[in-house]
Protein backbone atom coordinates (compact mmCIF):
# COMPACT_ATOMS: atom_id res chain seq x y z
CA MET A 1 15.70 -19.36 -14.01
CA ASN A 2 13.92 -21.69 -16.40
CA GLY A 3 11.85 -19.35 -18.59
CA GLN A 4 8.37 -20.58 -17.64
CA LYS A 5 7.19 -17.24 -16.18
CA ARG A 6 6.48 -14.40 -18.60
CA SER A 7 7.32 -11.83 -15.89
CA ASP A 8 10.95 -13.10 -15.80
CA ILE A 9 11.49 -12.33 -19.50
CA THR A 10 12.08 -8.85 -20.91
CA ILE A 11 13.03 -7.52 -24.33
CA GLY A 12 16.81 -7.35 -24.71
CA LEU A 13 17.43 -10.23 -22.27
CA PRO A 14 20.02 -12.87 -23.28
CA VAL A 15 18.36 -16.31 -23.28
CA LYS A 16 18.76 -19.87 -24.52
CA ILE A 17 15.79 -21.26 -26.45
CA VAL A 18 14.88 -24.58 -28.03
CA LEU A 19 13.71 -24.24 -31.64
CA LYS A 20 10.74 -26.29 -32.91
CA GLN A 21 13.00 -28.54 -35.01
CA ASP A 22 15.32 -29.09 -32.02
CA GLN A 23 12.64 -30.15 -29.51
CA ARG A 24 13.51 -33.85 -29.85
CA THR A 25 17.22 -33.32 -29.27
CA GLY A 26 16.89 -30.45 -26.79
CA LYS A 27 19.61 -28.45 -28.57
CA LEU A 28 19.71 -24.88 -27.24
CA THR A 29 20.16 -21.72 -29.29
CA SER A 30 21.44 -18.51 -27.66
CA GLY A 31 20.20 -15.05 -28.52
CA ILE A 32 18.66 -11.78 -27.40
CA VAL A 33 14.85 -11.47 -26.97
CA LYS A 34 13.22 -9.20 -29.57
CA ASP A 35 9.53 -10.09 -29.00
CA ILE A 36 7.61 -12.09 -26.40
CA LEU A 37 5.02 -14.20 -28.23
CA THR A 38 3.29 -16.06 -25.37
CA LYS A 39 0.37 -14.07 -23.94
CA SER A 40 -0.30 -16.17 -20.80
CA PRO A 41 1.60 -15.36 -17.56
CA ASN A 42 3.30 -18.77 -17.55
CA HIS A 43 3.75 -21.84 -19.73
CA PRO A 44 4.98 -25.32 -18.69
CA HIS A 45 7.24 -25.71 -21.76
CA GLY A 46 8.68 -22.18 -21.63
CA ILE A 47 7.62 -18.78 -22.88
CA LYS A 48 7.75 -18.48 -26.68
CA VAL A 49 9.96 -15.64 -27.92
CA ARG A 50 11.43 -14.27 -31.14
CA LEU A 51 15.16 -13.57 -31.05
CA GLN A 52 16.77 -10.54 -32.72
CA ASP A 53 17.93 -12.78 -35.59
CA GLY A 54 14.31 -13.86 -36.24
CA GLN A 55 14.42 -17.38 -34.78
CA VAL A 56 11.40 -18.42 -32.70
CA GLY A 57 11.43 -20.89 -29.83
CA ARG A 58 10.66 -21.52 -26.18
CA VAL A 59 12.91 -20.16 -23.43
CA LYS A 60 14.72 -22.91 -21.52
CA GLU A 61 17.36 -20.82 -19.73
CA ILE A 62 17.81 -17.16 -18.90
CA ASP A 63 21.44 -16.00 -19.13
CA LYS A 64 22.62 -13.46 -16.59
């Protein structure tokens, strides 16, 4: 799954996000979802989340 649908993302889910400063390179950061920041049901660039370590970015991949 690609992280564009808010309904696919739950708190505690392991994900890979792209941080704001990594958008040009596309470097992914792994972590566990602490908060879901995007209010809309979907977003073309990925749902914005806060990881447990405090980093904020858009979900690019959902780890299973």
